[in-house]
Amino acid sequence: MADRVHPAAASDHSHPLPESVKPPISDDKPLLPQGTYVIQIPKDQIYRIPPPENSQKIKKLANRKPRRSCCCRCLGWTIATVLILIILLAIATGILYLVFRPEKLKYSIDNISIGGVNLTSSAPIFPRITVDIRAENPNDKLSVYYNGKGSSVNVYYADVNLCNGVLPTLQQHTNNVTIIKTALRGSNIVLARDDHSRLVSQQGKRNVPLRLKVKAPLKIKIGAVKTWEITVTVKCNVAVDQLTQKSKIVSENCDYRVKLW
């Protein structure tokens, strides 16, 4: 008797199915084996798309008109005001110059009296020098007020400050020549050996060079208007015949400069 073969048992054998029996594969979605994949894209093909809210902010910032801050406006007004004041001051100065025609002040040394300088020994000296400063005001409508409080007068030999003092407080009227007498004092001045020898030699030749420096704060009155305080610095190179109270000026040259503020 022949054995029967069950269909299921026949399907378990390892015989492959013919091509006509295999299930069809769809072309729309190819089947890929399971796993992790890395896809590389060229950098120049990557585009970043900002979120919609950021795009709106960028449009608002681009369309917004620039505004000046309050500080910039204040700075601009300040600069403009200063420029206007400078222009007005220059105009006023020009008008005053044309109206009053101011002339330069003139300074010179009229006399020097020296005491307390003993060169017979190398002991310290105590100079006492009286200087007569000649101040000339050639202006018809301009007077000068000297403020002695902030002034200074110094006498030097080479680099040694022999003595110092201050100017008196005074007023110089128009078209006036004033002799400003100033008493100067020095204390315990020690001369170097070379300076002492040179000073003795120059006194023997009756030509001792001294240097005078005057700092004079003053105010100028033009008509009814008085200026702010101006500083005049006078520098004089003076040579005397001897270091005594009867000394005479051999040569003298003065120059000065004005500091407006």
C-alpha atoms as a PDB file:
ATOM      1  CA  MET A   1       0.000   0.000   0.000  1.00  0.00           C
ATOM      2  CA  ALA A   2       1.401   3.313  -1.064  1.00  0.00           C
ATOM      3  CA  ASP A   3       2.221   6.005   1.581  1.00  0.00           C
ATOM      4  CA  ARG A   4       0.435   9.352   1.469  1.00  0.00           C
ATOM      5  CA  VAL A   5       2.433  12.546   1.576  1.00  0.00           C
ATOM      6  CA  HIS A   6       0.956  15.485   3.515  1.00  0.00           C
ATOM      7  CA  PRO A   7       1.220  18.848   1.745  1.00  0.00           C
ATOM      8  CA  ALA A   8       2.593  20.627   4.791  1.00  0.00           C
ATOM      9  CA  ALA A   9       5.343  18.119   5.123  1.00  0.00           C
ATOM     10  CA  ALA A  10       6.268  18.613   1.519  1.00  0.00           C
ATOM     11  CA  SER A  11       6.584  22.387   2.011  1.00  0.00           C
ATOM     12  CA  ASP A  12       9.131  21.923   4.766  1.00  0.00           C
ATOM     13  CA  HIS A  13      11.716  20.440   2.420  1.00  0.00           C
ATOM     14  CA  SER A  14      14.573  22.709   1.345  1.00  0.00           C
ATOM     15  CA  HIS A  15      13.634  22.805  -2.282  1.00  0.00           C
ATOM     16  CA  PRO A  16      13.418  26.454  -3.468  1.00  0.00           C
ATOM     17  CA  LEU A  17      10.254  27.750  -4.974  1.00  0.00           C
ATOM     18  CA  PRO A  18      10.296  28.483  -8.630  1.00  0.00           C
ATOM     19  CA  GLU A  19      10.441  32.145  -9.791  1.00  0.00           C
ATOM     20  CA  SER A  20       6.832  32.060 -10.768  1.00  0.00           C
ATOM     21  CA  VAL A  21       5.797  31.163  -7.260  1.00  0.00           C
ATOM     22  CA  LYS A  22       7.862  33.972  -5.361  1.00  0.00           C
ATOM     23  CA  PRO A  23       5.790  36.930  -3.983  1.00  0.00           C
ATOM     24  CA  PRO A  24       6.029  40.156  -5.996  1.00  0.00           C
ATOM     25  CA  ILE A  25       8.238  43.052  -4.698  1.00  0.00           C
ATOM     26  CA  SER A  26       6.829  46.604  -4.894  1.00  0.00           C
ATOM     27  CA  ASP A  27       8.980  49.234  -6.739  1.00  0.00           C
ATOM     28  CA  ASP A  28       7.473  52.215  -4.756  1.00  0.00           C
ATOM     29  CA  LYS A  29       9.088  51.439  -1.396  1.00  0.00           C
ATOM     30  CA  PRO A  30      12.204  49.324  -1.686  1.00  0.00           C
ATOM     31  CA  LEU A  31      12.897  47.280   1.298  1.00  0.00           C
ATOM     32  CA  LEU A  32      16.141  48.103   3.157  1.00  0.00           C
ATOM     33  CA  PRO A  33      17.795  45.934   5.753  1.00  0.00           C
ATOM     34  CA  GLN A  34      17.420  47.208   9.302  1.00  0.00           C
ATOM     35  CA  GLY A  35      20.334  49.243  10.832  1.00  0.00           C
ATOM     36  CA  THR A  36      21.878  52.733  11.275  1.00  0.00           C
ATOM     37  CA  TYR A  37      22.926  54.815   8.261  1.00  0.00           C
ATOM     38  CA  VAL A  38      25.107  57.989   7.913  1.00  0.00           C
ATOM     39  CA  ILE A  39      24.207  60.241   5.034  1.00  0.00           C
ATOM     40  CA  GLN A  40      26.865  62.849   3.983  1.00  0.00           C
ATOM     41  CA  ILE A  41      25.726  66.045   2.245  1.00  0.00           C
ATOM     42  CA  PRO A  42      28.097  68.679   0.785  1.00  0.00           C
ATOM     43  CA  LYS A  43      28.408  71.771   2.995  1.00  0.00           C
ATOM     44  CA  ASP A  44      27.505  74.220   0.224  1.00  0.00           C
ATOM     45  CA  GLN A  45      24.166  72.478  -0.184  1.00  0.00           C
ATOM     46  CA  ILE A  46      23.104  72.988   3.447  1.00  0.00           C
ATOM     47  CA  TYR A  47      20.666  75.878   3.938  1.00  0.00           C
ATOM     48  CA  ARG A  48      19.497  77.264   7.262  1.00  0.00           C
ATOM     49  CA  ILE A  49      15.966  78.476   7.425  1.00  0.00           C
ATOM     50  CA  PRO A  50      15.312  80.858  10.387  1.00  0.00           C
ATOM     51  CA  PRO A  51      12.150  80.423  12.371  1.00  0.00           C
ATOM     52  CA  PRO A  52       9.243  82.622  11.232  1.00  0.00           C
ATOM     53  CA  GLU A  53       9.387  84.804  14.386  1.00  0.00           C
ATOM     54  CA  ASN A  54      13.060  85.628  13.785  1.00  0.00           C
ATOM     55  CA  SER A  55      12.319  86.553  10.192  1.00  0.00           C
ATOM     56  CA  GLN A  56       9.692  89.035  11.346  1.00  0.00           C
ATOM     57  CA  LYS A  57      12.117  90.636  13.841  1.00  0.00           C
ATOM     58  CA  ILE A  58      14.745  91.047  11.128  1.00  0.00           C
ATOM     59  CA  LYS A  59      12.234  92.781   8.854  1.00  0.00           C
ATOM     60  CA  LYS A  60      11.225  95.186  11.633  1.00  0.00           C
ATOM     61  CA  LEU A  61      14.835  96.052  12.407  1.00  0.00           C
ATOM     62  CA  ALA A  62      15.608  96.630   8.734  1.00  0.00           C
ATOM     63  CA  ASN A  63      12.605  98.923   8.228  1.00  0.00           C
ATOM     64  CA  ARG A  64      13.088 100.884  11.458  1.00  0.00           C
ATOM     65  CA  LYS A  65      14.519 104.416  11.020  1.00  0.00           C
ATOM     66  CA  PRO A  66      17.667 105.291  13.045  1.00  0.00           C
ATOM     67  CA  ARG A  67      17.018 107.495  16.066  1.00  0.00           C
ATOM     68  CA  ARG A  68      19.457 109.786  17.798  1.00  0.00           C
ATOM     69  CA  SER A  69      19.858 109.227  21.440  1.00  0.00           C
ATOM     70  CA  CYS A  70      19.323 111.996  23.960  1.00  0.00           C
ATOM     71  CA  CYS A  71      23.057 112.100  24.766  1.00  0.00           C
ATOM     72  CA  CYS A  72      23.970 112.676  21.120  1.00  0.00           C
ATOM     73  CA  ARG A  73      21.503 115.537  20.870  1.00  0.00           C
ATOM     74  CA  CYS A  74      22.813 117.131  24.058  1.00  0.00           C
ATOM     75  CA  LEU A  75      26.410 116.805  22.841  1.00  0.00           C
ATOM     76  CA  GLY A  76      25.504 118.386  19.535  1.00  0.00           C
ATOM     77  CA  TRP A  77      23.789 121.338  21.231  1.00  0.00           C
ATOM     78  CA  THR A  78      26.750 121.795  23.574  1.00  0.00           C
ATOM     79  CA  ILE A  79      29.265 121.866  20.728  1.00  0.00           C
ATOM     80  CA  ALA A  80      27.115 124.296  18.777  1.00  0.00           C
ATOM     81  CA  THR A  81      26.766 126.583  21.806  1.00  0.00           C
ATOM     82  CA  VAL A  82      30.518 126.585  22.442  1.00  0.00           C
ATOM     83  CA  LEU A  83      31.230 127.400  18.790  1.00  0.00           C
ATOM     84  CA  ILE A  84      28.736 130.267  18.868  1.00  0.00           C
ATOM     85  CA  LEU A  85      30.318 131.661  22.045  1.00  0.00           C
ATOM     86  CA  ILE A  86      33.801 131.452  20.507  1.00  0.00           C
ATOM     87  CA  ILE A  87      32.602 133.273  17.388  1.00  0.00           C
ATOM     88  CA  LEU A  88      30.908 135.974  19.485  1.00  0.00           C
ATOM     89  CA  LEU A  89      34.038 136.377  21.618  1.00  0.00           C
ATOM     90  CA  ALA A  90      36.207 136.712  18.516  1.00  0.00           C
ATOM     91  CA  ILE A  91      33.852 139.336  17.103  1.00  0.00           C
ATOM     92  CA  ALA A  92      33.825 141.260  20.391  1.00  0.00           C
ATOM     93  CA  THR A  93      37.633 141.107  20.590  1.00  0.00           C
ATOM     94  CA  GLY A  94      37.945 142.408  17.054  1.00  0.00           C
ATOM     95  CA  ILE A  95      35.560 145.283  17.790  1.00  0.00           C
ATOM     96  CA  LEU A  96      37.445 146.204  20.988  1.00  0.00           C
ATOM     97  CA  TYR A  97      40.751 146.124  19.114  1.00  0.00           C
ATOM     98  CA  LEU A  98      39.449 148.413  16.383  1.00  0.00           C
ATOM     99  CA  VAL A  99      37.940 150.823  18.905  1.00  0.00           C
ATOM    100  CA  PHE A 100      40.725 151.026  21.517  1.00  0.00           C
ATOM    101  CA  ARG A 101      43.808 150.092  19.434  1.00  0.00           C
ATOM    102  CA  PRO A 102      45.740 148.524  22.369  1.00  0.00           C
ATOM    103  CA  GLU A 103      49.548 148.705  22.356  1.00  0.00           C
ATOM    104  CA  LYS A 104      51.998 146.265  23.924  1.00  0.00           C
ATOM    105  CA  LEU A 105      53.116 146.797  27.495  1.00  0.00           C
ATOM    106  CA  LYS A 106      56.858 147.293  27.973  1.00  0.00           C
ATOM    107  CA  TYR A 107      59.078 146.029  30.798  1.00  0.00           C
ATOM    108  CA  SER A 108      62.717 146.642  31.675  1.00  0.00           C
ATOM    109  CA  ILE A 109      65.050 146.706  34.696  1.00  0.00           C
ATOM    110  CA  ASP A 110      65.743 150.242  35.896  1.00  0.00           C
ATOM    111  CA  ASN A 111      68.099 149.513  38.811  1.00  0.00           C
ATOM    112  CA  ILE A 112      69.535 146.678  40.931  1.00  0.00           C
ATOM    113  CA  SER A 113      70.946 147.064  44.426  1.00  0.00           C
ATOM    114  CA  ILE A 114      72.768 144.024  45.861  1.00  0.00           C
ATOM    115  CA  GLY A 115      73.848 143.291  49.412  1.00  0.00           C
ATOM    116  CA  GLY A 116      74.759 140.330  51.583  1.00  0.00           C
ATOM    117  CA  VAL A 117      77.109 138.719  49.036  1.00  0.00           C
ATOM    118  CA  ASN A 118      80.580 138.177  50.507  1.00  0.00           C
ATOM    119  CA  LEU A 119      82.961 136.383  48.157  1.00  0.00           C
ATOM    120  CA  THR A 120      86.089 136.573  50.337  1.00  0.00           C
ATOM    121  CA  SER A 121      85.326 133.111  51.720  1.00  0.00           C
ATOM    122  CA  SER A 122      83.395 129.991  50.779  1.00  0.00           C
ATOM    123  CA  ALA A 123      80.849 130.560  53.577  1.00  0.00           C
ATOM    124  CA  PRO A 124      77.108 130.635  52.705  1.00  0.00           C
ATOM    125  CA  ILE A 125      75.771 133.972  51.461  1.00  0.00           C
ATOM    126  CA  PHE A 126      72.538 135.767  52.350  1.00  0.00           C
ATOM    127  CA  PRO A 127      71.684 137.928  49.321  1.00  0.00           C
ATOM    128  CA  ARG A 128      69.473 141.001  49.687  1.00  0.00           C
ATOM    129  CA  ILE A 129      68.563 142.401  46.304  1.00  0.00           C
ATOM    130  CA  THR A 130      66.290 145.323  45.489  1.00  0.00           C
ATOM    131  CA  VAL A 131      65.059 145.408  41.886  1.00  0.00           C
ATOM    132  CA  ASP A 132      63.359 148.385  40.244  1.00  0.00           C
ATOM    133  CA  ILE A 133      61.147 147.103  37.399  1.00  0.00           C
ATOM    134  CA  ARG A 134      60.085 149.715  34.877  1.00  0.00           C
ATOM    135  CA  ALA A 135      56.546 149.031  33.576  1.00  0.00           C
ATOM    136  CA  GLU A 136      55.346 151.219  30.736  1.00  0.00           C
ATOM    137  CA  ASN A 137      51.709 151.462  29.660  1.00  0.00           C
ATOM    138  CA  PRO A 138      51.523 153.439  26.387  1.00  0.00           C
ATOM    139  CA  ASN A 139      47.745 153.026  25.948  1.00  0.00           C
ATOM    140  CA  ASP A 140      45.286 155.907  26.075  1.00  0.00           C
ATOM    141  CA  LYS A 141      42.228 153.866  27.095  1.00  0.00           C
ATOM    142  CA  LEU A 142      43.710 150.890  28.888  1.00  0.00           C
ATOM    143  CA  SER A 143      44.717 150.554  32.551  1.00  0.00           C
ATOM    144  CA  VAL A 144      46.435 147.626  34.292  1.00  0.00           C
ATOM    145  CA  TYR A 145      45.721 146.084  37.716  1.00  0.00           C
ATOM    146  CA  TYR A 146      48.577 144.003  39.169  1.00  0.00           C
ATOM    147  CA  ASN A 147      47.650 141.324  41.697  1.00  0.00           C
ATOM    148  CA  GLY A 148      50.637 140.867  43.982  1.00  0.00           C
ATOM    149  CA  LYS A 149      49.159 137.843  45.774  1.00  0.00           C
ATOM    150  CA  GLY A 150      49.924 135.363  42.985  1.00  0.00           C
ATOM    151  CA  SER A 151      53.121 137.018  41.711  1.00  0.00           C
ATOM    152  CA  SER A 152      56.758 135.915  42.021  1.00  0.00           C
ATOM    153  CA  VAL A 153      60.177 137.463  41.354  1.00  0.00           C
ATOM    154  CA  ASN A 154      63.393 135.378  41.246  1.00  0.00           C
ATOM    155  CA  VAL A 155      67.022 136.278  40.622  1.00  0.00           C
ATOM    156  CA  TYR A 156      69.445 133.572  39.401  1.00  0.00           C
ATOM    157  CA  TYR A 157      73.177 133.292  38.920  1.00  0.00           C
ATOM    158  CA  ALA A 158      73.732 130.429  36.479  1.00  0.00           C
ATOM    159  CA  ASP A 159      71.349 127.786  37.864  1.00  0.00           C
ATOM    160  CA  VAL A 160      71.507 129.057  41.477  1.00  0.00           C
ATOM    161  CA  ASN A 161      68.434 130.860  42.815  1.00  0.00           C
ATOM    162  CA  LEU A 162      69.974 133.711  44.807  1.00  0.00           C
ATOM    163  CA  CYS A 163      66.762 135.261  46.163  1.00  0.00           C
ATOM    164  CA  ASN A 164      63.041 135.638  45.575  1.00  0.00           C
ATOM    165  CA  GLY A 165      60.045 137.785  46.456  1.00  0.00           C
ATOM    166  CA  VAL A 166      56.680 139.080  45.199  1.00  0.00           C
ATOM    167  CA  LEU A 167      55.331 142.152  43.456  1.00  0.00           C
ATOM    168  CA  PRO A 168      53.191 144.715  45.297  1.00  0.00           C
ATOM    169  CA  THR A 169      49.512 145.142  44.451  1.00  0.00           C
ATOM    170  CA  LEU A 170      49.030 148.276  42.371  1.00  0.00           C
ATOM    171  CA  GLN A 171      47.086 149.947  39.586  1.00  0.00           C
ATOM    172  CA  GLN A 172      48.753 151.458  36.558  1.00  0.00           C
ATOM    173  CA  HIS A 173      46.750 154.145  34.800  1.00  0.00           C
ATOM    174  CA  THR A 174      46.673 154.993  31.111  1.00  0.00           C
ATOM    175  CA  ASN A 175      49.745 156.530  29.463  1.00  0.00           C
ATOM    176  CA  ASN A 176      51.814 155.838  32.546  1.00  0.00           C
ATOM    177  CA  VAL A 177      55.307 154.690  33.451  1.00  0.00           C
ATOM    178  CA  THR A 178      55.516 152.981  36.869  1.00  0.00           C
ATOM    179  CA  ILE A 179      58.657 151.904  38.716  1.00  0.00           C
ATOM    180  CA  ILE A 180      57.812 148.754  40.674  1.00  0.00           C
ATOM    181  CA  LYS A 181      60.306 148.424  43.538  1.00  0.00           C
ATOM    182  CA  THR A 182      60.654 144.861  44.776  1.00  0.00           C
ATOM    183  CA  ALA A 183      62.723 143.653  47.751  1.00  0.00           C
ATOM    184  CA  LEU A 184      64.071 140.114  47.394  1.00  0.00           C
ATOM    185  CA  ARG A 185      65.709 137.903  50.008  1.00  0.00           C
ATOM    186  CA  GLY A 186      67.837 134.771  49.934  1.00  0.00           C
ATOM    187  CA  SER A 187      68.999 132.639  52.856  1.00  0.00           C
ATOM    188  CA  ASN A 188      71.974 130.337  53.378  1.00  0.00           C
ATOM    189  CA  ILE A 189      72.959 130.070  49.698  1.00  0.00           C
ATOM    190  CA  VAL A 190      75.959 127.781  49.209  1.00  0.00           C
ATOM    191  CA  LEU A 191      77.828 128.269  45.928  1.00  0.00           C
ATOM    192  CA  ALA A 192      79.696 125.415  44.312  1.00  0.00           C
ATOM    193  CA  ARG A 193      83.462 125.851  44.057  1.00  0.00           C
ATOM    194  CA  ASP A 194      83.334 126.435  40.287  1.00  0.00           C
ATOM    195  CA  ASP A 195      80.471 128.940  40.594  1.00  0.00           C
ATOM    196  CA  HIS A 196      82.271 130.793  43.390  1.00  0.00           C
ATOM    197  CA  SER A 197      85.525 131.044  41.382  1.00  0.00           C
ATOM    198  CA  ARG A 198      83.679 132.150  38.240  1.00  0.00           C
ATOM    199  CA  LEU A 199      81.709 134.790  40.165  1.00  0.00           C
ATOM    200  CA  VAL A 200      84.904 136.238  41.672  1.00  0.00           C
ATOM    201  CA  SER A 201      86.490 136.386  38.225  1.00  0.00           C
ATOM    202  CA  GLN A 202      83.457 138.046  36.613  1.00  0.00           C
ATOM    203  CA  GLN A 203      83.230 140.644  39.385  1.00  0.00           C
ATOM    204  CA  GLY A 204      86.904 141.429  38.792  1.00  0.00           C
ATOM    205  CA  LYS A 205      86.029 142.056  35.132  1.00  0.00           C
ATOM    206  CA  ARG A 206      83.077 144.193  36.283  1.00  0.00           C
ATOM    207  CA  ASN A 207      80.591 142.095  34.338  1.00  0.00           C
ATOM    208  CA  VAL A 208      78.462 139.739  36.473  1.00  0.00           C
ATOM    209  CA  PRO A 209      75.570 138.115  34.530  1.00  0.00           C
ATOM    210  CA  LEU A 210      72.284 137.642  36.388  1.00  0.00           C
ATOM    211  CA  ARG A 211      68.925 136.317  35.271  1.00  0.00           C
ATOM    212  CA  LEU A 212      65.624 137.782  36.441  1.00  0.00           C
ATOM    213  CA  LYS A 213      62.240 136.058  36.114  1.00  0.00           C
ATOM    214  CA  VAL A 214      58.983 137.832  36.988  1.00  0.00           C
ATOM    215  CA  LYS A 215      55.530 136.256  37.058  1.00  0.00           C
ATOM    216  CA  ALA A 216      52.813 138.927  37.242  1.00  0.00           C
ATOM    217  CA  PRO A 217      49.077 138.125  37.336  1.00  0.00           C
ATOM    218  CA  LEU A 218      47.125 141.162  36.147  1.00  0.00           C
ATOM    219  CA  LYS A 219      43.777 142.362  34.839  1.00  0.00           C
ATOM    220  CA  ILE A 220      43.301 144.876  32.052  1.00  0.00           C
ATOM    221  CA  LYS A 221      40.517 147.427  32.155  1.00  0.00           C
ATOM    222  CA  ILE A 222      39.293 148.641  28.775  1.00  0.00           C
ATOM    223  CA  GLY A 223      36.780 151.427  29.224  1.00  0.00           C
ATOM    224  CA  ALA A 224      34.296 150.067  31.737  1.00  0.00           C
ATOM    225  CA  VAL A 225      35.129 146.401  31.050  1.00  0.00           C
ATOM    226  CA  LYS A 226      37.727 144.513  33.109  1.00  0.00           C
ATOM    227  CA  THR A 227      39.161 141.276  31.752  1.00  0.00           C
ATOM    228  CA  TRP A 228      39.733 138.013  33.581  1.00  0.00           C
ATOM    229  CA  GLU A 229      43.138 137.451  35.204  1.00  0.00           C
ATOM    230  CA  ILE A 230      46.004 137.271  32.698  1.00  0.00           C
ATOM    231  CA  THR A 231      49.524 136.099  33.585  1.00  0.00           C
ATOM    232  CA  VAL A 232      52.524 137.996  32.203  1.00  0.00           C
ATOM    233  CA  THR A 233      55.951 136.344  32.509  1.00  0.00           C
ATOM    234  CA  VAL A 234      58.961 138.657  32.119  1.00  0.00           C
ATOM    235  CA  LYS A 235      62.485 137.242  31.627  1.00  0.00           C
ATOM    236  CA  CYS A 236      65.509 139.538  31.730  1.00  0.00           C
ATOM    237  CA  ASN A 237      69.228 138.906  31.258  1.00  0.00           C
ATOM    238  CA  VAL A 238      71.055 141.583  33.236  1.00  0.00           C
ATOM    239  CA  ALA A 239      74.772 142.167  33.822  1.00  0.00           C
ATOM    240  CA  VAL A 240      76.038 144.360  36.686  1.00  0.00           C
ATOM    241  CA  ASP A 241      79.499 145.706  37.387  1.00  0.00           C
ATOM    242  CA  GLN A 242      79.673 144.543  41.014  1.00  0.00           C
ATOM    243  CA  LEU A 243      77.632 142.770  43.705  1.00  0.00           C
ATOM    244  CA  THR A 244      77.149 145.784  45.987  1.00  0.00           C
ATOM    245  CA  GLN A 245      74.437 148.271  46.816  1.00  0.00           C
ATOM    246  CA  LYS A 246      76.005 150.709  44.357  1.00  0.00           C
ATOM    247  CA  SER A 247      75.994 148.267  41.466  1.00  0.00           C
ATOM    248  CA  LYS A 248      75.285 149.572  37.990  1.00  0.00           C
ATOM    249  CA  ILE A 249      73.658 147.802  35.083  1.00  0.00           C
ATOM    250  CA  VAL A 250      76.135 147.051  32.288  1.00  0.00           C
ATOM    251  CA  SER A 251      73.726 145.352  29.868  1.00  0.00           C
ATOM    252  CA  GLU A 252      70.084 144.394  29.947  1.00  0.00           C
ATOM    253  CA  ASN A 253      67.679 142.511  27.670  1.00  0.00           C
ATOM    254  CA  CYS A 254      64.070 141.720  28.602  1.00  0.00           C
ATOM    255  CA  ASP A 255      61.349 139.735  26.921  1.00  0.00           C
ATOM    256  CA  TYR A 256      57.898 138.687  28.071  1.00  0.00           C
ATOM    257  CA  ARG A 257      55.002 136.448  27.091  1.00  0.00           C
ATOM    258  CA  VAL A 258      51.315 136.570  27.952  1.00  0.00           C
ATOM    259  CA  LYS A 259      49.190 133.628  29.086  1.00  0.00           C
ATOM    260  CA  LEU A 260      45.532 134.485  28.527  1.00  0.00           C
ATOM    261  CA  TRP A 261      44.152 131.650  30.678  1.00  0.00           C
END
